[in-house]
Amino acid sequence: MPGRNQLIVAELLARHGRLYAEDAGIRLADRPGPLYQLLVLATLLSAPIPAETAVAAAGELFAAGYRSPKAMSEASWQDRVDALGRGHYRRYDERTATMLGDGADLLTSKWHGDLRKLRDEAGGDVAGIASRLTEFPGVGPVGAGIFLREAQEVWPAVAPYVDARVTSGAHRVRLPGDRETLAGLLAASGQPARLAAALVRVSLSQRAASEVTASVRD
């Protein structure tokens, strides 16, 4: 029922269409700084911890001034551990502090600190971008997906981006679960990154999903 789908999409955007990047204080733009910050956030969100904790830890890193690969590399390992601890990212803080330092060094040495160069090296191909993102310590396929879901806000060429987490959210609010149809809904919304974020949020909260579906009567 296209009419119902459109109502569900509108509810999702109104209630939960907030980028995780925004929660972490990132002003997302197609520039080296914000894209690097998104990579840091994706690294933190890759760990099996609550998203709120990862977002808080990212915010602490950025508040400490580690908003660029250079700043992250120049920070001591202990400084990174301390910032992660302030965000209550304690279970994985030591390993993550090492990974963030190594990842910053890799970005600087291989792509001159600019993730746009990584994107261009892949020719804008989504699979190629994802593959290169997994070269960063702590960023596996899930982390690459997290990055691309949000990056589609400023990288239109990768939109609409649908992964398993987005599909899971669609099932919870009874939207079509096949990737092609779901990609069409993301594209038609005009806000694919925000709709993807909303679907991720309802995939993580049955209550949020139920509130969305209850607001739309068949």
Protein backbone atom coordinates (compact mmCIF):
# COMPACT_ATOMS: atom_id res chain seq x y z
CA MET A 1 0.00 0.00 0.00
CA PRO A 2 1.98 3.01 -1.25
CA GLY A 3 -0.13 5.44 0.76
CA ARG A 4 0.64 3.68 4.01
CA ASN A 5 4.33 3.41 3.13
CA GLN A 6 4.50 7.15 2.61
CA LEU A 7 2.81 7.79 5.96
CA ILE A 8 5.25 5.46 7.72
CA VAL A 9 8.19 7.21 6.04
CA ALA A 10 6.86 10.60 7.14
CA GLU A 11 6.48 9.35 10.73
CA LEU A 12 9.97 7.87 10.73
CA LEU A 13 11.51 11.12 9.54
CA ALA A 14 9.52 13.23 11.98
CA ARG A 15 10.23 11.06 15.02
CA HIS A 16 13.66 9.59 14.37
CA GLY A 17 15.19 11.22 11.28
CA ARG A 18 18.25 12.47 13.12
CA LEU A 19 21.72 11.52 11.98
CA TYR A 20 23.97 9.85 14.51
CA ALA A 21 26.60 12.33 13.33
CA GLU A 22 24.42 15.16 14.61
CA ASP A 23 24.12 13.48 18.00
CA ALA A 24 27.94 13.40 18.16
CA GLY A 25 28.22 17.09 17.31
CA ILE A 26 29.47 16.55 13.76
CA ARG A 27 28.42 19.15 11.21
CA LEU A 28 28.47 16.75 8.32
CA ALA A 29 29.83 18.17 5.07
CA ASP A 30 31.89 16.96 2.13
CA ARG A 31 35.09 18.18 3.72
CA PRO A 32 38.05 16.32 5.26
CA GLY A 33 37.32 17.25 8.88
CA PRO A 34 33.68 16.19 9.17
CA LEU A 35 34.27 13.06 7.09
CA TYR A 36 37.12 12.03 9.37
CA GLN A 37 34.93 12.65 12.41
CA LEU A 38 32.28 10.41 10.86
CA LEU A 39 34.91 7.70 10.43
CA VAL A 40 35.80 8.00 14.12
CA LEU A 41 32.13 7.70 15.03
CA ALA A 42 31.71 4.66 12.77
CA THR A 43 34.73 3.05 14.45
CA LEU A 44 33.22 3.58 17.89
CA LEU A 45 29.76 2.40 16.82
CA SER A 46 31.28 -0.82 15.46
CA ALA A 47 31.87 -2.16 18.97
CA PRO A 48 29.10 -4.18 20.64
CA ILE A 49 28.04 -1.38 22.97
CA PRO A 50 24.99 0.93 23.13
CA ALA A 51 24.94 3.52 20.35
CA GLU A 52 24.46 6.25 22.96
CA THR A 53 27.77 5.32 24.59
CA ALA A 54 29.62 5.40 21.27
CA VAL A 55 28.10 8.79 20.43
CA ALA A 56 29.05 10.17 23.85
CA ALA A 57 32.62 8.90 23.49
CA ALA A 58 32.92 10.48 20.04
CA GLY A 59 31.70 13.75 21.49
CA GLU A 60 34.39 13.58 24.19
CA LEU A 61 37.13 12.94 21.62
CA PHE A 62 35.97 15.90 19.55
CA ALA A 63 35.61 18.13 22.61
CA ALA A 64 39.24 17.30 23.43
CA GLY A 65 40.19 18.65 20.00
CA TYR A 66 40.75 15.37 18.15
CA ARG A 67 38.76 16.37 15.09
CA SER A 68 41.39 15.64 12.43
CA PRO A 69 43.79 12.77 11.72
CA LYS A 70 46.69 15.05 12.66
CA ALA A 71 45.18 15.93 16.03
CA MET A 72 44.29 12.30 16.72
CA SER A 73 47.82 11.14 15.86
CA GLU A 74 49.45 13.85 17.96
CA ALA A 75 47.34 13.03 21.01
CA SER A 76 48.99 10.56 23.33
CA TRP A 77 47.53 7.11 23.69
CA GLN A 78 46.61 7.96 27.29
CA ASP A 79 44.88 11.15 26.19
CA ARG A 80 42.70 9.11 23.83
CA VAL A 81 41.99 6.54 26.54
CA ASP A 82 41.00 9.31 28.96
CA ALA A 83 38.62 10.92 26.45
CA LEU A 84 36.98 7.58 25.72
CA GLY A 85 36.65 6.98 29.45
CA ARG A 86 34.87 10.28 29.92
CA GLY A 87 32.30 8.98 27.43
CA HIS A 88 32.03 5.77 29.47
CA TYR A 89 33.55 3.79 26.60
CA ARG A 90 35.60 1.86 29.13
CA ARG A 91 35.38 -1.78 28.14
CA TYR A 92 37.08 -1.14 24.81
CA ASP A 93 38.94 2.07 25.59
CA GLU A 94 42.55 0.86 25.44
CA ARG A 95 42.20 -1.16 22.24
CA THR A 96 40.12 1.57 20.60
CA ALA A 97 42.64 4.26 21.54
CA THR A 98 45.29 2.28 19.68
CA MET A 99 43.03 1.70 16.67
CA LEU A 100 42.14 5.38 16.40
CA GLY A 101 45.81 6.35 16.40
CA ASP A 102 46.69 3.74 13.80
CA GLY A 103 43.68 4.67 11.67
CA ALA A 104 44.61 8.35 11.71
CA ASP A 105 48.13 7.47 10.60
CA LEU A 106 46.78 5.28 7.79
CA LEU A 107 44.44 8.01 6.53
CA THR A 108 47.28 10.52 6.53
CA SER A 109 49.81 8.30 4.81
CA LYS A 110 47.54 6.70 2.22
CA TRP A 111 44.92 9.35 1.45
CA HIS A 112 46.57 12.54 2.75
CA GLY A 113 44.01 12.84 5.54
CA ASP A 114 41.11 13.20 3.10
CA LEU A 115 38.45 10.50 2.76
CA ARG A 116 37.30 12.12 -0.47
CA LYS A 117 40.51 10.79 -2.00
CA LEU A 118 39.54 7.29 -0.84
CA ARG A 119 36.13 7.76 -2.47
CA ASP A 120 37.66 9.02 -5.70
CA GLU A 121 40.22 6.20 -5.74
CA ALA A 122 37.26 3.81 -5.73
CA GLY A 123 35.70 5.71 -8.62
CA GLY A 124 32.68 6.41 -6.43
CA ASP A 125 31.81 2.70 -6.45
CA VAL A 126 30.02 1.85 -3.21
CA ALA A 127 31.54 -1.61 -2.87
CA GLY A 128 34.99 -0.18 -3.59
CA ILE A 129 34.55 2.53 -0.97
CA ALA A 130 33.32 0.00 1.58
CA SER A 131 36.26 -2.30 0.89
CA ARG A 132 38.75 0.51 1.42
CA LEU A 133 37.04 1.64 4.63
CA THR A 134 37.60 -1.82 6.12
CA GLU A 135 41.35 -1.17 5.90
CA PHE A 136 40.97 1.05 8.95
CA PRO A 137 41.52 -0.73 12.27
CA GLY A 138 38.23 -1.50 13.96
CA VAL A 139 36.16 -0.84 10.83
CA GLY A 140 34.78 -4.05 9.38
CA PRO A 141 31.87 -4.40 6.97
CA VAL A 142 29.46 -3.25 9.68
CA GLY A 143 31.50 -0.13 10.37
CA ALA A 144 31.79 0.63 6.66
CA GLY A 145 28.01 0.37 6.45
CA ILE A 146 27.59 2.76 9.37
CA PHE A 147 29.86 5.28 7.65
CA LEU A 148 28.10 4.99 4.28
CA ARG A 149 24.60 5.23 5.76
CA GLU A 150 25.46 8.66 7.13
CA ALA A 151 27.86 9.76 4.39
CA GLN A 152 25.07 9.50 1.82
CA GLU A 153 23.88 12.80 3.30
CA VAL A 154 26.85 14.52 1.61
CA TRP A 155 27.90 11.87 -0.94
CA PRO A 156 24.83 11.64 -3.20
CA ALA A 157 26.60 9.11 -5.43
CA VAL A 158 26.37 6.44 -2.72
CA ALA A 159 22.67 7.06 -2.09
CA PRO A 160 20.34 5.36 -1.57
CA TYR A 161 22.41 3.12 0.71
CA VAL A 162 20.64 0.13 2.25
CA ASP A 163 22.26 -2.44 4.51
CA ALA A 164 21.04 -5.19 6.83
CA ARG A 165 20.36 -2.83 9.72
CA VAL A 166 18.18 -0.58 7.55
CA THR A 167 16.32 -3.64 6.25
CA SER A 168 15.78 -4.85 9.82
CA GLY A 169 14.21 -1.52 10.75
CA ALA A 170 11.96 -1.68 7.70
CA HIS A 171 10.63 -5.07 8.80
CA ARG A 172 9.85 -3.70 12.26
CA VAL A 173 7.64 -0.93 10.89
CA ARG A 174 6.19 -3.14 8.16
CA LEU A 175 7.79 -1.40 5.21
CA PRO A 176 8.88 -3.52 2.23
CA GLY A 177 12.02 -5.40 3.20
CA ASP A 178 13.52 -6.09 -0.20
CA ARG A 179 16.48 -3.89 -0.93
CA GLU A 180 15.29 -2.57 -4.27
CA THR A 181 11.93 -1.35 -2.98
CA LEU A 182 13.49 0.00 0.19
CA ALA A 183 16.14 1.86 -1.81
CA GLY A 184 13.32 3.38 -3.82
CA LEU A 185 11.65 4.63 -0.65
CA LEU A 186 14.90 6.16 0.58
CA ALA A 187 15.42 7.91 -2.75
CA ALA A 188 11.82 9.11 -2.96
CA SER A 189 12.00 10.57 0.56
CA GLY A 190 14.64 13.05 -0.59
CA GLN A 191 16.39 12.43 2.72
CA PRO A 192 17.95 8.98 2.35
CA ALA A 193 20.52 9.36 5.13
CA ARG A 194 17.91 10.56 7.60
CA LEU A 195 15.44 7.85 6.67
CA ALA A 196 18.20 5.25 6.96
CA ALA A 197 19.11 6.60 10.41
CA ALA A 198 15.46 6.47 11.46
CA LEU A 199 15.20 2.85 10.33
CA VAL A 200 18.34 2.00 12.29
CA ARG A 201 16.85 3.61 15.38
CA VAL A 202 13.62 1.60 15.16
CA SER A 203 15.64 -1.56 14.48
CA LEU A 204 17.27 -1.00 17.88
CA SER A 205 14.06 -0.20 19.77
CA GLN A 206 10.85 -2.18 19.58
CA ARG A 207 9.10 0.59 21.47
CA ALA A 208 10.12 3.20 18.90
CA ALA A 209 8.99 0.91 16.08
CA SER A 210 5.64 0.27 17.76
CA GLU A 211 5.04 3.99 18.26
CA VAL A 212 5.61 4.61 14.55
CA THR A 213 3.28 1.85 13.38
CA ALA A 214 0.61 2.77 15.96
CA SER A 215 0.52 6.31 14.63
CA VAL A 216 -0.45 5.10 11.15
CA ARG A 217 -3.85 3.38 10.95
CA ASP A 218 -4.51 0.84 8.22
